[in-house]
Amino acid sequence: MMRRQTAIEKLEPLLTESQTAERIAIPVSTLRYWRSTGEGPNFVKIGKYVRYDPSTLERFIQQNVRVSNAEATVTEAMRHAR
């Protein structure tokens, strides 16, 4: 019989500031600035430690995907041409 995983066993390890900054290729100082201004990915504060949940980080990245202005202009022009 297969054992069920508990919620805690399903958790991915939280990322440190350095790991998060490296993963999204930005300086740690940018993460700190974003936290102070309410921007950036949501974070977890445990005592004095700041951590990032990998799934939250993935959602943040997906929410910030943008289309270049040139591509948007061409796509819009093609829609109107139909």
PDB file of N, CA and C in Angstrom:
ATOM      1  N   MET A   1       0.839  -1.173   0.000  1.00  0.00           N
ATOM      2  CA  MET A   1       0.000   0.000   0.000  1.00  0.00           C
ATOM      3  C   MET A   1       0.889   1.243   0.000  1.00  0.00           C
ATOM      4  N   MET A   2       0.529   2.219  -0.837  1.00  0.00           N
ATOM      5  CA  MET A   2       1.311   3.435  -0.969  1.00  0.00           C
ATOM      6  C   MET A   2       0.962   4.429   0.148  1.00  0.00           C
ATOM      7  N   ARG A   3       1.955   4.993   0.770  1.00  0.00           N
ATOM      8  CA  ARG A   3       1.771   5.946   1.846  1.00  0.00           C
ATOM      9  C   ARG A   3       1.478   7.324   1.284  1.00  0.00           C
ATOM     10  N   ARG A   4       0.519   8.041   1.846  1.00  0.00           N
ATOM     11  CA  ARG A   4       0.193   9.403   1.423  1.00  0.00           C
ATOM     12  C   ARG A   4       1.226  10.382   1.964  1.00  0.00           C
ATOM     13  N   GLN A   5       1.549  11.367   1.149  1.00  0.00           N
ATOM     14  CA  GLN A   5       2.461  12.419   1.606  1.00  0.00           C
ATOM     15  C   GLN A   5       1.679  13.434   2.425  1.00  0.00           C
ATOM     16  N   THR A   6       2.289  13.900   3.486  1.00  0.00           N
ATOM     17  CA  THR A   6       1.674  14.979   4.253  1.00  0.00           C
ATOM     18  C   THR A   6       1.927  16.295   3.530  1.00  0.00           C
ATOM     19  N   ALA A   7       1.180  17.319   3.894  1.00  0.00           N
ATOM     20  CA  ALA A   7       1.348  18.638   3.268  1.00  0.00           C
ATOM     21  C   ALA A   7       2.773  19.129   3.423  1.00  0.00           C
ATOM     22  N   ILE A   8       3.365  18.919   4.577  1.00  0.00           N
ATOM     23  CA  ILE A   8       4.724  19.400   4.821  1.00  0.00           C
ATOM     24  C   ILE A   8       5.737  18.661   3.946  1.00  0.00           C
ATOM     25  N   GLU A   9       5.494  17.388   3.654  1.00  0.00           N
ATOM     26  CA  GLU A   9       6.412  16.626   2.805  1.00  0.00           C
ATOM     27  C   GLU A   9       6.332  17.073   1.349  1.00  0.00           C
ATOM     28  N   LYS A  10       5.222  17.671   0.957  1.00  0.00           N
ATOM     29  CA  LYS A  10       5.052  18.136  -0.413  1.00  0.00           C
ATOM     30  C   LYS A  10       5.714  19.481  -0.648  1.00  0.00           C
ATOM     31  N   LEU A  11       6.051  20.195   0.417  1.00  0.00           N
ATOM     32  CA  LEU A  11       6.635  21.527   0.278  1.00  0.00           C
ATOM     33  C   LEU A  11       8.001  21.473  -0.385  1.00  0.00           C
ATOM     34  N   GLU A  12       8.228  22.425  -1.282  1.00  0.00           N
ATOM     35  CA  GLU A  12       9.564  22.587  -1.833  1.00  0.00           C
ATOM     36  C   GLU A  12      10.367  23.402  -0.824  1.00  0.00           C
ATOM     37  N   PRO A  13      11.656  23.184  -0.740  1.00  0.00           N
ATOM     38  CA  PRO A  13      12.455  23.999   0.184  1.00  0.00           C
ATOM     39  C   PRO A  13      12.374  25.479  -0.197  1.00  0.00           C
ATOM     40  N   LEU A  14      12.266  26.330   0.800  1.00  0.00           N
ATOM     41  CA  LEU A  14      12.243  27.771   0.552  1.00  0.00           C
ATOM     42  C   LEU A  14      13.611  28.238   0.101  1.00  0.00           C
ATOM     43  N   LEU A  15      13.637  29.287  -0.699  1.00  0.00           N
ATOM     44  CA  LEU A  15      14.881  29.833  -1.234  1.00  0.00           C
ATOM     45  C   LEU A  15      15.343  31.023  -0.400  1.00  0.00           C
ATOM     46  N   THR A  16      16.641  31.155  -0.238  1.00  0.00           N
ATOM     47  CA  THR A  16      17.205  32.326   0.419  1.00  0.00           C
ATOM     48  C   THR A  16      17.172  33.509  -0.548  1.00  0.00           C
ATOM     49  N   GLU A  17      17.496  34.687  -0.024  1.00  0.00           N
ATOM     50  CA  GLU A  17      17.594  35.871  -0.900  1.00  0.00           C
ATOM     51  C   GLU A  17      18.599  35.627  -2.021  1.00  0.00           C
ATOM     52  N   SER A  18      19.750  35.105  -1.651  1.00  0.00           N
ATOM     53  CA  SER A  18      20.803  34.874  -2.654  1.00  0.00           C
ATOM     54  C   SER A  18      20.368  33.880  -3.714  1.00  0.00           C
ATOM     55  N   GLN A  19      19.737  32.792  -3.290  1.00  0.00           N
ATOM     56  CA  GLN A  19      19.264  31.796  -4.248  1.00  0.00           C
ATOM     57  C   GLN A  19      18.199  32.386  -5.170  1.00  0.00           C
ATOM     58  N   THR A  20      17.312  33.188  -4.599  1.00  0.00           N
ATOM     59  CA  THR A  20      16.250  33.807  -5.387  1.00  0.00           C
ATOM     60  C   THR A  20      16.834  34.791  -6.390  1.00  0.00           C
ATOM     61  N   ALA A  21      17.737  35.642  -5.916  1.00  0.00           N
ATOM     62  CA  ALA A  21      18.366  36.624  -6.799  1.00  0.00           C
ATOM     63  C   ALA A  21      19.097  35.927  -7.943  1.00  0.00           C
ATOM     64  N   GLU A  22      19.812  34.863  -7.620  1.00  0.00           N
ATOM     65  CA  GLU A  22      20.534  34.121  -8.657  1.00  0.00           C
ATOM     66  C   GLU A  22      19.564  33.485  -9.644  1.00  0.00           C
ATOM     67  N   ARG A  23      18.475  32.938  -9.129  1.00  0.00           N
ATOM     68  CA  ARG A  23      17.508  32.247  -9.987  1.00  0.00           C
ATOM     69  C   ARG A  23      16.874  33.186 -11.001  1.00  0.00           C
ATOM     70  N   ILE A  24      16.610  34.451 -10.601  1.00  0.00           N
ATOM     71  CA  ILE A  24      15.991  35.380 -11.551  1.00  0.00           C
ATOM     72  C   ILE A  24      16.974  36.435 -12.058  1.00  0.00           C
ATOM     73  N   ALA A  25      18.255  36.212 -11.785  1.00  0.00           N
ATOM     74  CA  ALA A  25      19.353  37.024 -12.337  1.00  0.00           C
ATOM     75  C   ALA A  25      19.206  38.513 -12.032  1.00  0.00           C
ATOM     76  N   ILE A  26      18.993  38.827 -10.759  1.00  0.00           N
ATOM     77  CA  ILE A  26      18.960  40.218 -10.306  1.00  0.00           C
ATOM     78  C   ILE A  26      19.789  40.331  -9.035  1.00  0.00           C
ATOM     79  N   PRO A  27      20.220  41.544  -8.689  1.00  0.00           N
ATOM     80  CA  PRO A  27      20.974  41.702  -7.442  1.00  0.00           C
ATOM     81  C   PRO A  27      20.087  41.505  -6.207  1.00  0.00           C
ATOM     82  N   VAL A  28      20.682  41.021  -5.122  1.00  0.00           N
ATOM     83  CA  VAL A  28      19.962  40.893  -3.852  1.00  0.00           C
ATOM     84  C   VAL A  28      19.410  42.253  -3.436  1.00  0.00           C
ATOM     85  N   SER A  29      20.150  43.327  -3.712  1.00  0.00           N
ATOM     86  CA  SER A  29      19.693  44.674  -3.345  1.00  0.00           C
ATOM     87  C   SER A  29      18.367  45.023  -4.019  1.00  0.00           C
ATOM     88  N   THR A  30      18.127  44.498  -5.216  1.00  0.00           N
ATOM     89  CA  THR A  30      16.858  44.742  -5.901  1.00  0.00           C
ATOM     90  C   THR A  30      15.719  44.041  -5.167  1.00  0.00           C
ATOM     91  N   LEU A  31      15.943  42.807  -4.728  1.00  0.00           N
ATOM     92  CA  LEU A  31      14.925  42.104  -3.941  1.00  0.00           C
ATOM     93  C   LEU A  31      14.596  42.897  -2.676  1.00  0.00           C
ATOM     94  N   ARG A  32      15.630  43.396  -2.015  1.00  0.00           N
ATOM     95  CA  ARG A  32      15.412  44.180  -0.789  1.00  0.00           C
ATOM     96  C   ARG A  32      14.635  45.461  -1.084  1.00  0.00           C
ATOM     97  N   TYR A  33      14.968  46.121  -2.173  1.00  0.00           N
ATOM     98  CA  TYR A  33      14.246  47.338  -2.566  1.00  0.00           C
ATOM     99  C   TYR A  33      12.781  47.011  -2.854  1.00  0.00           C
ATOM    100  N   TRP A  34      12.555  45.949  -3.623  1.00  0.00           N
ATOM    101  CA  TRP A  34      11.191  45.552  -3.934  1.00  0.00           C
ATOM    102  C   TRP A  34      10.388  45.276  -2.665  1.00  0.00           C
ATOM    103  N   ARG A  35      11.003  44.595  -1.684  1.00  0.00           N
ATOM    104  CA  ARG A  35      10.285  44.323  -0.442  1.00  0.00           C
ATOM    105  C   ARG A  35       9.913  45.616   0.267  1.00  0.00           C
ATOM    106  N   SER A  36      10.792  46.594   0.247  1.00  0.00           N
ATOM    107  CA  SER A  36      10.527  47.858   0.939  1.00  0.00           C
ATOM    108  C   SER A  36       9.444  48.679   0.252  1.00  0.00           C
ATOM    109  N   THR A  37       9.249  48.459  -1.047  1.00  0.00           N
ATOM    110  CA  THR A  37       8.248  49.224  -1.797  1.00  0.00           C
ATOM    111  C   THR A  37       6.981  48.417  -2.088  1.00  0.00           C
ATOM    112  N   GLY A  38       6.966  47.154  -1.662  1.00  0.00           N
ATOM    113  CA  GLY A  38       5.796  46.315  -1.906  1.00  0.00           C
ATOM    114  C   GLY A  38       5.748  45.731  -3.300  1.00  0.00           C
ATOM    115  N   GLU A  39       6.849  45.807  -4.020  1.00  0.00           N
ATOM    116  CA  GLU A  39       6.929  45.221  -5.366  1.00  0.00           C
ATOM    117  C   GLU A  39       7.547  43.831  -5.259  1.00  0.00           C
ATOM    118  N   GLY A  40       7.762  43.228  -6.395  1.00  0.00           N
ATOM    119  CA  GLY A  40       8.477  41.959  -6.432  1.00  0.00           C
ATOM    120  C   GLY A  40       7.649  40.788  -5.965  1.00  0.00           C
ATOM    121  N   PRO A  41       8.290  39.624  -5.907  1.00  0.00           N
ATOM    122  CA  PRO A  41       7.567  38.418  -5.504  1.00  0.00           C
ATOM    123  C   PRO A  41       7.233  38.452  -4.014  1.00  0.00           C
ATOM    124  N   ASN A  42       6.136  37.798  -3.645  1.00  0.00           N
ATOM    125  CA  ASN A  42       5.796  37.660  -2.234  1.00  0.00           C
ATOM    126  C   ASN A  42       6.895  36.865  -1.546  1.00  0.00           C
ATOM    127  N   PHE A  43       7.078  37.124  -0.274  1.00  0.00           N
ATOM    128  CA  PHE A  43       8.134  36.459   0.468  1.00  0.00           C
ATOM    129  C   PHE A  43       7.601  35.965   1.802  1.00  0.00           C
ATOM    130  N   VAL A  44       8.382  35.114   2.437  1.00  0.00           N
ATOM    131  CA  VAL A  44       8.054  34.563   3.743  1.00  0.00           C
ATOM    132  C   VAL A  44       9.052  35.137   4.731  1.00  0.00           C
ATOM    133  N   LYS A  45       8.556  35.633   5.848  1.00  0.00           N
ATOM    134  CA  LYS A  45       9.443  36.167   6.894  1.00  0.00           C
ATOM    135  C   LYS A  45       9.323  35.236   8.093  1.00  0.00           C
ATOM    136  N   ILE A  46      10.416  34.614   8.464  1.00  0.00           N
ATOM    137  CA  ILE A  46      10.460  33.714   9.611  1.00  0.00           C
ATOM    138  C   ILE A  46      11.509  34.281  10.562  1.00  0.00           C
ATOM    139  N   GLY A  47      11.029  34.951  11.590  1.00  0.00           N
ATOM    140  CA  GLY A  47      11.952  35.649  12.484  1.00  0.00           C
ATOM    141  C   GLY A  47      12.664  36.731  11.694  1.00  0.00           C
ATOM    142  N   LYS A  48      13.979  36.720  11.717  1.00  0.00           N
ATOM    143  CA  LYS A  48      14.748  37.706  10.956  1.00  0.00           C
ATOM    144  C   LYS A  48      15.072  37.236   9.534  1.00  0.00           C
ATOM    145  N   TYR A  49      14.651  36.024   9.205  1.00  0.00           N
ATOM    146  CA  TYR A  49      15.003  35.435   7.918  1.00  0.00           C
ATOM    147  C   TYR A  49      13.927  35.681   6.862  1.00  0.00           C
ATOM    148  N   VAL A  50      14.374  36.020   5.666  1.00  0.00           N
ATOM    149  CA  VAL A  50      13.491  36.215   4.517  1.00  0.00           C
ATOM    150  C   VAL A  50      13.714  35.045   3.572  1.00  0.00           C
ATOM    151  N   ARG A  51      12.625  34.433   3.171  1.00  0.00           N
ATOM    152  CA  ARG A  51      12.693  33.295   2.251  1.00  0.00           C
ATOM    153  C   ARG A  51      11.651  33.463   1.159  1.00  0.00           C
ATOM    154  N   TYR A  52      11.867  32.768   0.053  1.00  0.00           N
ATOM    155  CA  TYR A  52      10.963  32.817  -1.091  1.00  0.00           C
ATOM    156  C   TYR A  52      10.513  31.407  -1.441  1.00  0.00           C
ATOM    157  N   ASP A  53       9.223  31.261  -1.690  1.00  0.00           N
ATOM    158  CA  ASP A  53       8.646  29.988  -2.089  1.00  0.00           C
ATOM    159  C   ASP A  53       8.837  29.838  -3.599  1.00  0.00           C
ATOM    160  N   PRO A  54       9.447  28.752  -4.060  1.00  0.00           N
ATOM    161  CA  PRO A  54       9.682  28.576  -5.498  1.00  0.00           C
ATOM    162  C   PRO A  54       8.415  28.694  -6.354  1.00  0.00           C
ATOM    163  N   SER A  55       7.286  28.180  -5.874  1.00  0.00           N
ATOM    164  CA  SER A  55       6.061  28.265  -6.684  1.00  0.00           C
ATOM    165  C   SER A  55       5.554  29.705  -6.754  1.00  0.00           C
ATOM    166  N   THR A  56       5.719  30.471  -5.694  1.00  0.00           N
ATOM    167  CA  THR A  56       5.352  31.891  -5.709  1.00  0.00           C
ATOM    168  C   THR A  56       6.259  32.651  -6.664  1.00  0.00           C
ATOM    169  N   LEU A  57       7.529  32.300  -6.669  1.00  0.00           N
ATOM    170  CA  LEU A  57       8.490  32.933  -7.569  1.00  0.00           C
ATOM    171  C   LEU A  57       8.133  32.643  -9.026  1.00  0.00           C
ATOM    172  N   GLU A  58       7.728  31.411  -9.311  1.00  0.00           N
ATOM    173  CA  GLU A  58       7.317  31.040 -10.671  1.00  0.00           C
ATOM    174  C   GLU A  58       6.100  31.858 -11.108  1.00  0.00           C
ATOM    175  N   ARG A  59       5.113  32.013 -10.214  1.00  0.00           N
ATOM    176  CA  ARG A  59       3.927  32.826 -10.538  1.00  0.00           C
ATOM    177  C   ARG A  59       4.322  34.274 -10.801  1.00  0.00           C
ATOM    178  N   PHE A  60       5.237  34.808  -9.997  1.00  0.00           N
ATOM    179  CA  PHE A  60       5.712  36.178 -10.185  1.00  0.00           C
ATOM    180  C   PHE A  60       6.339  36.337 -11.571  1.00  0.00           C
ATOM    181  N   ILE A  61       7.145  35.378 -11.958  1.00  0.00           N
ATOM    182  CA  ILE A  61       7.790  35.429 -13.272  1.00  0.00           C
ATOM    183  C   ILE A  61       6.729  35.388 -14.371  1.00  0.00           C
ATOM    184  N   GLN A  62       5.773  34.473 -14.267  1.00  0.00           N
ATOM    185  CA  GLN A  62       4.724  34.358 -15.286  1.00  0.00           C
ATOM    186  C   GLN A  62       3.874  35.627 -15.375  1.00  0.00           C
ATOM    187  N   GLN A  63       3.621  36.274 -14.241  1.00  0.00           N
ATOM    188  CA  GLN A  63       2.827  37.501 -14.234  1.00  0.00           C
ATOM    189  C   GLN A  63       3.571  38.670 -14.873  1.00  0.00           C
ATOM    190  N   ASN A  64       4.883  38.547 -14.986  1.00  0.00           N
ATOM    191  CA  ASN A  64       5.680  39.635 -15.526  1.00  0.00           C
ATOM    192  C   ASN A  64       6.182  39.387 -16.937  1.00  0.00           C
ATOM    193  N   VAL A  65       5.663  38.374 -17.589  1.00  0.00           N
ATOM    194  CA  VAL A  65       6.009  38.125 -18.992  1.00  0.00           C
ATOM    195  C   VAL A  65       5.346  39.220 -19.826  1.00  0.00           C
ATOM    196  N   ARG A  66       6.110  39.841 -20.672  1.00  0.00           N
ATOM    197  CA  ARG A  66       5.612  40.932 -21.514  1.00  0.00           C
ATOM    198  C   ARG A  66       5.908  40.645 -22.976  1.00  0.00           C
ATOM    199  N   VAL A  67       5.098  41.216 -23.836  1.00  0.00           N
ATOM    200  CA  VAL A  67       5.303  41.130 -25.280  1.00  0.00           C
ATOM    201  C   VAL A  67       5.948  42.448 -25.699  1.00  0.00           C
ATOM    202  N   SER A  68       6.940  42.375 -26.571  1.00  0.00           N
ATOM    203  CA  SER A  68       7.589  43.604 -27.018  1.00  0.00           C
ATOM    204  C   SER A  68       6.586  44.481 -27.758  1.00  0.00           C
ATOM    205  N   ASN A  69       6.790  45.778 -27.725  1.00  0.00           N
ATOM    206  CA  ASN A  69       5.897  46.709 -28.421  1.00  0.00           C
ATOM    207  C   ASN A  69       5.823  46.409 -29.911  1.00  0.00           C
ATOM    208  N   ALA A  70       6.950  46.049 -30.508  1.00  0.00           N
ATOM    209  CA  ALA A  70       6.973  45.757 -31.946  1.00  0.00           C
ATOM    210  C   ALA A  70       6.087  44.552 -32.253  1.00  0.00           C
ATOM    211  N   GLU A  71       6.197  43.503 -31.448  1.00  0.00           N
ATOM    212  CA  GLU A  71       5.391  42.304 -31.679  1.00  0.00           C
ATOM    213  C   GLU A  71       3.911  42.604 -31.449  1.00  0.00           C
ATOM    214  N   ALA A  72       3.601  43.377 -30.433  1.00  0.00           N
ATOM    215  CA  ALA A  72       2.206  43.738 -30.147  1.00  0.00           C
ATOM    216  C   ALA A  72       1.622  44.553 -31.295  1.00  0.00           C
ATOM    217  N   THR A  73       2.415  45.448 -31.872  1.00  0.00           N
ATOM    218  CA  THR A  73       1.947  46.279 -32.979  1.00  0.00           C
ATOM    219  C   THR A  73       1.643  45.430 -34.202  1.00  0.00           C
ATOM    220  N   VAL A  74       2.522  44.502 -34.531  1.00  0.00           N
ATOM    221  CA  VAL A  74       2.322  43.617 -35.682  1.00  0.00           C
ATOM    222  C   VAL A  74       1.090  42.747 -35.458  1.00  0.00           C
ATOM    223  N   THR A  75       0.951  42.176 -34.273  1.00  0.00           N
ATOM    224  CA  THR A  75      -0.198  41.324 -33.962  1.00  0.00           C
ATOM    225  C   THR A  75      -1.493  42.115 -34.074  1.00  0.00           C
ATOM    226  N   GLU A  76      -1.512  43.324 -33.555  1.00  0.00           N
ATOM    227  CA  GLU A  76      -2.710  44.166 -33.623  1.00  0.00           C
ATOM    228  C   GLU A  76      -3.038  44.519 -35.064  1.00  0.00           C
ATOM    229  N   ALA A  77      -2.031  44.845 -35.875  1.00  0.00           N
ATOM    230  CA  ALA A  77      -2.241  45.185 -37.276  1.00  0.00           C
ATOM    231  C   ALA A  77      -2.820  43.993 -38.038  1.00  0.00           C
ATOM    232  N   MET A  78      -2.347  42.798 -37.720  1.00  0.00           N
ATOM    233  CA  MET A  78      -2.852  41.594 -38.391  1.00  0.00           C
ATOM    234  C   MET A  78      -4.309  41.339 -38.012  1.00  0.00           C
ATOM    235  N   ARG A  79      -4.693  41.624 -36.786  1.00  0.00           N
ATOM    236  CA  ARG A  79      -6.085  41.452 -36.369  1.00  0.00           C
ATOM    237  C   ARG A  79      -7.011  42.383 -37.135  1.00  0.00           C
ATOM    238  N   HIS A  80      -6.581  43.621 -37.305  1.00  0.00           N
ATOM    239  CA  HIS A  80      -7.416  44.616 -38.008  1.00  0.00           C
ATOM    240  C   HIS A  80      -7.468  44.359 -39.507  1.00  0.00           C
ATOM    241  N   ALA A  81      -6.482  43.667 -40.051  1.00  0.00           N
ATOM    242  CA  ALA A  81      -6.442  43.393 -41.496  1.00  0.00           C
ATOM    243  C   ALA A  81      -7.430  42.294 -41.889  1.00  0.00           C
ATOM    244  N   ARG A  82      -7.873  41.522 -40.935  1.00  0.00           N
ATOM    245  CA  ARG A  82      -8.771  40.384 -41.251  1.00  0.00           C
ATOM    246  C   ARG A  82     -10.143  40.839 -41.536  1.00  0.00           C
TER     247      ARG A  82
END
